């Protein structure tokens, strides 16, 4: 899959484990939220690392440059895509 600024993986979650592997291109950012409130981000830029996302976790992938090529199985299981402009938001006290 090729990820560009206009064609990225929007926030979604799956009932299956998702695996991502960097193939080529610019660094990308993988953001994962286990609870829809807190999120952590990591760079995807090494062919030596495979990234796993547990079932039920929200995630998104965006390139930091022109394009990034990744190997993925993002359509495994039953996939829920978040509404446009949704993102994990910390709870307010």
N, C-alpha and C. Protein backbone atom coordinates (compact mmCIF):
# COMPACT_ATOMS: atom_id res chain seq x y z
N UNK A 1 0.85 -1.16 0.00
CA UNK A 1 0.00 0.00 0.00
C UNK A 1 0.90 1.23 0.00
N UNK A 2 0.52 2.22 -0.80
CA UNK A 2 1.22 3.50 -0.83
C UNK A 2 0.40 4.51 -0.03
N UNK A 3 1.03 5.15 0.93
CA UNK A 3 0.39 6.19 1.74
C UNK A 3 0.95 7.53 1.30
N UNK A 4 0.06 8.48 1.00
CA UNK A 4 0.47 9.84 0.64
C UNK A 4 -0.22 10.81 1.58
N UNK A 5 0.08 12.10 1.39
CA UNK A 5 -0.57 13.11 2.22
C UNK A 5 -2.09 13.06 2.05
N UNK A 6 -2.55 12.82 0.83
CA UNK A 6 -3.99 12.78 0.56
C UNK A 6 -4.62 11.40 0.75
N UNK A 7 -3.81 10.36 0.72
CA UNK A 7 -4.31 8.99 0.79
C UNK A 7 -3.63 8.28 1.96
N UNK A 8 -4.23 8.40 3.14
CA UNK A 8 -3.65 7.86 4.36
C UNK A 8 -4.64 6.87 4.98
N UNK A 9 -4.22 6.20 6.03
CA UNK A 9 -5.09 5.28 6.75
C UNK A 9 -5.74 6.07 7.88
N UNK A 10 -7.03 6.33 7.76
CA UNK A 10 -7.76 7.10 8.77
C UNK A 10 -7.97 6.25 10.02
N UNK A 11 -8.40 6.89 11.11
CA UNK A 11 -8.64 6.17 12.36
C UNK A 11 -9.62 5.04 12.14
N UNK A 12 -9.24 3.85 12.62
CA UNK A 12 -10.07 2.64 12.49
C UNK A 12 -9.62 1.61 13.51
N UNK A 13 -10.42 0.58 13.66
CA UNK A 13 -10.04 -0.55 14.51
C UNK A 13 -10.57 -1.82 13.88
N UNK A 14 -9.96 -2.93 14.24
CA UNK A 14 -10.31 -4.23 13.67
C UNK A 14 -10.49 -5.25 14.78
N UNK A 15 -11.24 -6.29 14.47
CA UNK A 15 -11.40 -7.39 15.42
C UNK A 15 -10.24 -8.37 15.34
N UNK A 16 -9.32 -8.17 14.41
CA UNK A 16 -8.14 -9.03 14.23
C UNK A 16 -6.86 -8.22 14.49
N UNK A 17 -5.77 -8.91 14.74
CA UNK A 17 -4.47 -8.26 14.89
C UNK A 17 -4.04 -7.70 13.53
N UNK A 18 -3.57 -6.46 13.53
CA UNK A 18 -3.11 -5.80 12.31
C UNK A 18 -1.59 -5.73 12.36
N UNK A 19 -0.95 -6.05 11.24
CA UNK A 19 0.50 -5.99 11.14
C UNK A 19 0.89 -5.03 10.03
N UNK A 20 1.87 -4.19 10.32
CA UNK A 20 2.38 -3.22 9.36
C UNK A 20 3.89 -3.39 9.24
N UNK A 21 4.41 -3.24 8.03
CA UNK A 21 5.85 -3.32 7.82
C UNK A 21 6.25 -2.26 6.81
N UNK A 22 7.24 -1.45 7.16
CA UNK A 22 7.78 -0.42 6.27
C UNK A 22 8.49 -1.10 5.10
N UNK A 23 8.22 -0.62 3.88
CA UNK A 23 8.88 -1.16 2.69
C UNK A 23 9.84 -0.13 2.11
N UNK A 24 9.35 1.11 1.88
CA UNK A 24 10.20 2.13 1.26
C UNK A 24 9.56 3.50 1.41
N UNK A 25 10.34 4.54 1.08
CA UNK A 25 9.82 5.90 1.04
C UNK A 25 10.10 6.67 2.30
N UNK A 26 9.27 7.68 2.52
CA UNK A 26 9.44 8.58 3.66
C UNK A 26 8.96 7.95 4.96
N UNK A 27 9.42 8.48 6.06
CA UNK A 27 8.98 8.04 7.38
C UNK A 27 7.48 8.30 7.52
N UNK A 28 6.79 7.38 8.17
CA UNK A 28 5.37 7.55 8.46
C UNK A 28 5.19 7.53 9.98
N UNK A 29 4.02 7.95 10.42
CA UNK A 29 3.69 7.91 11.85
C UNK A 29 2.51 6.98 12.05
N UNK A 30 2.67 6.03 12.94
CA UNK A 30 1.60 5.12 13.37
C UNK A 30 1.15 5.59 14.74
N UNK A 31 -0.13 5.92 14.88
CA UNK A 31 -0.71 6.30 16.16
C UNK A 31 -1.69 5.22 16.58
N UNK A 32 -1.62 4.82 17.84
CA UNK A 32 -2.47 3.75 18.37
C UNK A 32 -3.14 4.23 19.65
N UNK A 33 -4.44 3.94 19.77
CA UNK A 33 -5.19 4.24 20.99
C UNK A 33 -5.92 2.98 21.43
N UNK A 34 -5.57 2.49 22.60
CA UNK A 34 -6.23 1.28 23.12
C UNK A 34 -7.63 1.56 23.64
N UNK A 35 -7.88 2.82 24.06
CA UNK A 35 -9.15 3.13 24.71
C UNK A 35 -9.94 4.26 24.06
N UNK A 36 -9.46 4.82 22.96
CA UNK A 36 -10.16 5.93 22.32
C UNK A 36 -10.01 7.25 23.05
N UNK A 37 -9.16 7.26 24.08
CA UNK A 37 -8.92 8.47 24.86
C UNK A 37 -7.45 8.86 24.77
N UNK A 38 -6.58 7.96 25.16
CA UNK A 38 -5.13 8.19 25.11
C UNK A 38 -4.57 7.57 23.83
N UNK A 39 -3.49 8.16 23.31
CA UNK A 39 -2.86 7.62 22.11
C UNK A 39 -1.35 7.75 22.23
N UNK A 40 -0.66 6.86 21.55
CA UNK A 40 0.79 6.96 21.45
C UNK A 40 1.16 6.88 19.99
N UNK A 41 2.23 7.57 19.62
CA UNK A 41 2.67 7.61 18.23
C UNK A 41 4.08 7.07 18.12
N UNK A 42 4.37 6.45 16.98
CA UNK A 42 5.72 5.94 16.71
C UNK A 42 6.04 6.10 15.23
N UNK A 43 7.31 6.25 14.94
CA UNK A 43 7.75 6.37 13.55
C UNK A 43 7.85 5.00 12.91
N UNK A 44 7.45 4.93 11.65
CA UNK A 44 7.61 3.72 10.84
C UNK A 44 8.63 4.08 9.77
N UNK A 45 9.85 3.54 9.89
CA UNK A 45 10.88 3.87 8.92
C UNK A 45 12.00 2.83 8.85
N UNK A 46 11.75 1.64 9.35
CA UNK A 46 12.78 0.60 9.35
C UNK A 46 12.23 -0.69 8.78
N UNK A 47 12.93 -1.23 7.78
CA UNK A 47 12.50 -2.51 7.19
C UNK A 47 12.73 -3.67 8.15
N UNK A 48 13.44 -3.41 9.24
CA UNK A 48 13.76 -4.46 10.21
C UNK A 48 12.68 -4.64 11.28
N UNK A 49 11.70 -3.76 11.31
CA UNK A 49 10.68 -3.79 12.38
C UNK A 49 9.30 -4.03 11.80
N UNK A 50 8.55 -4.94 12.42
CA UNK A 50 7.14 -5.14 12.08
C UNK A 50 6.33 -4.60 13.25
N UNK A 51 5.28 -3.86 12.94
CA UNK A 51 4.45 -3.22 13.95
C UNK A 51 3.13 -3.98 14.05
N UNK A 52 2.74 -4.32 15.28
CA UNK A 52 1.49 -5.06 15.51
C UNK A 52 0.52 -4.20 16.30
N UNK A 53 -0.73 -4.25 15.87
CA UNK A 53 -1.80 -3.51 16.55
C UNK A 53 -2.80 -4.55 17.06
N UNK A 54 -3.03 -4.54 18.35
CA UNK A 54 -3.92 -5.52 18.96
C UNK A 54 -5.35 -5.33 18.50
N UNK A 55 -6.14 -6.42 18.45
CA UNK A 55 -7.55 -6.29 18.10
C UNK A 55 -8.25 -5.30 19.01
N UNK A 56 -9.13 -4.48 18.44
CA UNK A 56 -9.91 -3.53 19.21
C UNK A 56 -9.24 -2.19 19.46
N UNK A 57 -7.98 -2.04 19.04
CA UNK A 57 -7.28 -0.76 19.23
C UNK A 57 -7.50 0.13 18.02
N UNK A 58 -7.75 1.41 18.28
CA UNK A 58 -7.87 2.40 17.22
C UNK A 58 -6.47 2.72 16.70
N UNK A 59 -6.33 2.96 15.38
CA UNK A 59 -5.03 3.31 14.82
C UNK A 59 -5.19 4.14 13.55
N UNK A 60 -4.14 4.87 13.22
CA UNK A 60 -4.06 5.64 11.99
C UNK A 60 -2.61 5.64 11.53
N UNK A 61 -2.38 5.77 10.22
CA UNK A 61 -1.03 5.87 9.67
C UNK A 61 -1.00 7.00 8.67
N UNK A 62 -0.02 7.91 8.84
CA UNK A 62 0.13 9.06 7.95
C UNK A 62 1.60 9.21 7.58
N UNK A 63 1.88 9.58 6.34
CA UNK A 63 3.26 9.83 5.93
C UNK A 63 3.71 11.20 6.42
N UNK A 64 5.00 11.32 6.68
CA UNK A 64 5.58 12.61 7.06
C UNK A 64 6.23 13.28 5.85
N UNK A 65 6.16 12.64 4.72
CA UNK A 65 6.77 13.19 3.51
C UNK A 65 5.83 13.10 2.33
N UNK A 66 6.38 12.74 1.19
CA UNK A 66 5.60 12.64 -0.04
C UNK A 66 4.82 11.33 -0.12
N UNK A 67 5.54 10.20 0.13
CA UNK A 67 4.85 8.91 0.12
C UNK A 67 5.64 7.87 0.90
N UNK A 68 4.91 6.92 1.43
CA UNK A 68 5.47 5.81 2.18
C UNK A 68 4.82 4.53 1.68
N UNK A 69 5.62 3.51 1.46
CA UNK A 69 5.07 2.21 1.06
C UNK A 69 5.16 1.27 2.25
N UNK A 70 4.02 0.65 2.59
CA UNK A 70 3.98 -0.32 3.68
C UNK A 70 3.30 -1.60 3.21
N UNK A 71 3.63 -2.68 3.88
CA UNK A 71 2.92 -3.95 3.71
C UNK A 71 1.96 -4.02 4.88
N UNK A 72 0.71 -4.39 4.64
CA UNK A 72 -0.29 -4.33 5.71
C UNK A 72 -1.40 -5.34 5.50
N UNK A 73 -2.17 -5.56 6.54
CA UNK A 73 -3.37 -6.40 6.47
C UNK A 73 -4.54 -5.68 7.14
N UNK A 74 -4.69 -4.38 6.84
CA UNK A 74 -5.66 -3.55 7.56
C UNK A 74 -7.12 -3.92 7.33
N UNK A 75 -7.39 -4.76 6.36
CA UNK A 75 -8.77 -5.16 6.12
C UNK A 75 -9.10 -6.52 6.72
N UNK A 76 -8.25 -6.99 7.64
CA UNK A 76 -8.50 -8.26 8.31
C UNK A 76 -9.60 -8.09 9.35
N UNK A 77 -10.42 -9.09 9.48
CA UNK A 77 -11.48 -9.05 10.48
C UNK A 77 -12.56 -8.06 10.13
N UNK A 78 -13.35 -7.72 11.11
CA UNK A 78 -14.41 -6.72 10.95
C UNK A 78 -13.81 -5.37 11.31
N UNK A 79 -13.79 -4.44 10.34
CA UNK A 79 -13.14 -3.14 10.52
C UNK A 79 -14.19 -2.06 10.77
N UNK A 80 -13.95 -1.24 11.78
CA UNK A 80 -14.78 -0.07 12.08
C UNK A 80 -13.97 1.17 11.76
N UNK A 81 -14.48 2.02 10.88
CA UNK A 81 -13.81 3.27 10.54
C UNK A 81 -14.47 4.39 11.32
N UNK A 82 -13.64 5.19 11.98
CA UNK A 82 -14.16 6.30 12.79
C UNK A 82 -14.75 7.39 11.90
N UNK A 83 -15.69 8.18 12.43
CA UNK A 83 -16.24 9.31 11.68
C UNK A 83 -15.11 10.28 11.30
N UNK A 84 -15.32 11.01 10.22
CA UNK A 84 -14.35 11.99 9.77
C UNK A 84 -14.07 12.99 10.90
N UNK A 85 -12.83 13.38 11.05
CA UNK A 85 -12.35 14.32 12.07
C UNK A 85 -12.36 13.76 13.49
N UNK A 86 -12.68 12.47 13.69
CA UNK A 86 -12.61 11.87 15.02
C UNK A 86 -11.15 11.58 15.35
N UNK A 87 -10.80 11.73 16.60
CA UNK A 87 -9.47 11.34 17.09
C UNK A 87 -9.59 11.10 18.59
N UNK A 88 -8.69 10.30 19.18
CA UNK A 88 -8.74 10.11 20.62
C UNK A 88 -8.60 11.45 21.33
N UNK A 89 -9.45 11.67 22.30
CA UNK A 89 -9.46 12.92 23.04
C UNK A 89 -9.44 12.64 24.53
N UNK A 90 -8.46 13.18 25.26
CA UNK A 90 -8.42 12.96 26.70
C UNK A 90 -9.71 13.42 27.38
N UNK A 91 -10.12 12.69 28.39
CA UNK A 91 -11.33 13.04 29.14
C UNK A 91 -11.10 14.32 29.93
N UNK A 92 -12.14 15.12 30.06
CA UNK A 92 -12.05 16.36 30.83
C UNK A 92 -12.63 16.11 32.22
N UNK A 93 -11.97 16.62 33.23
CA UNK A 93 -12.45 16.44 34.62
C UNK A 93 -13.46 17.48 34.98
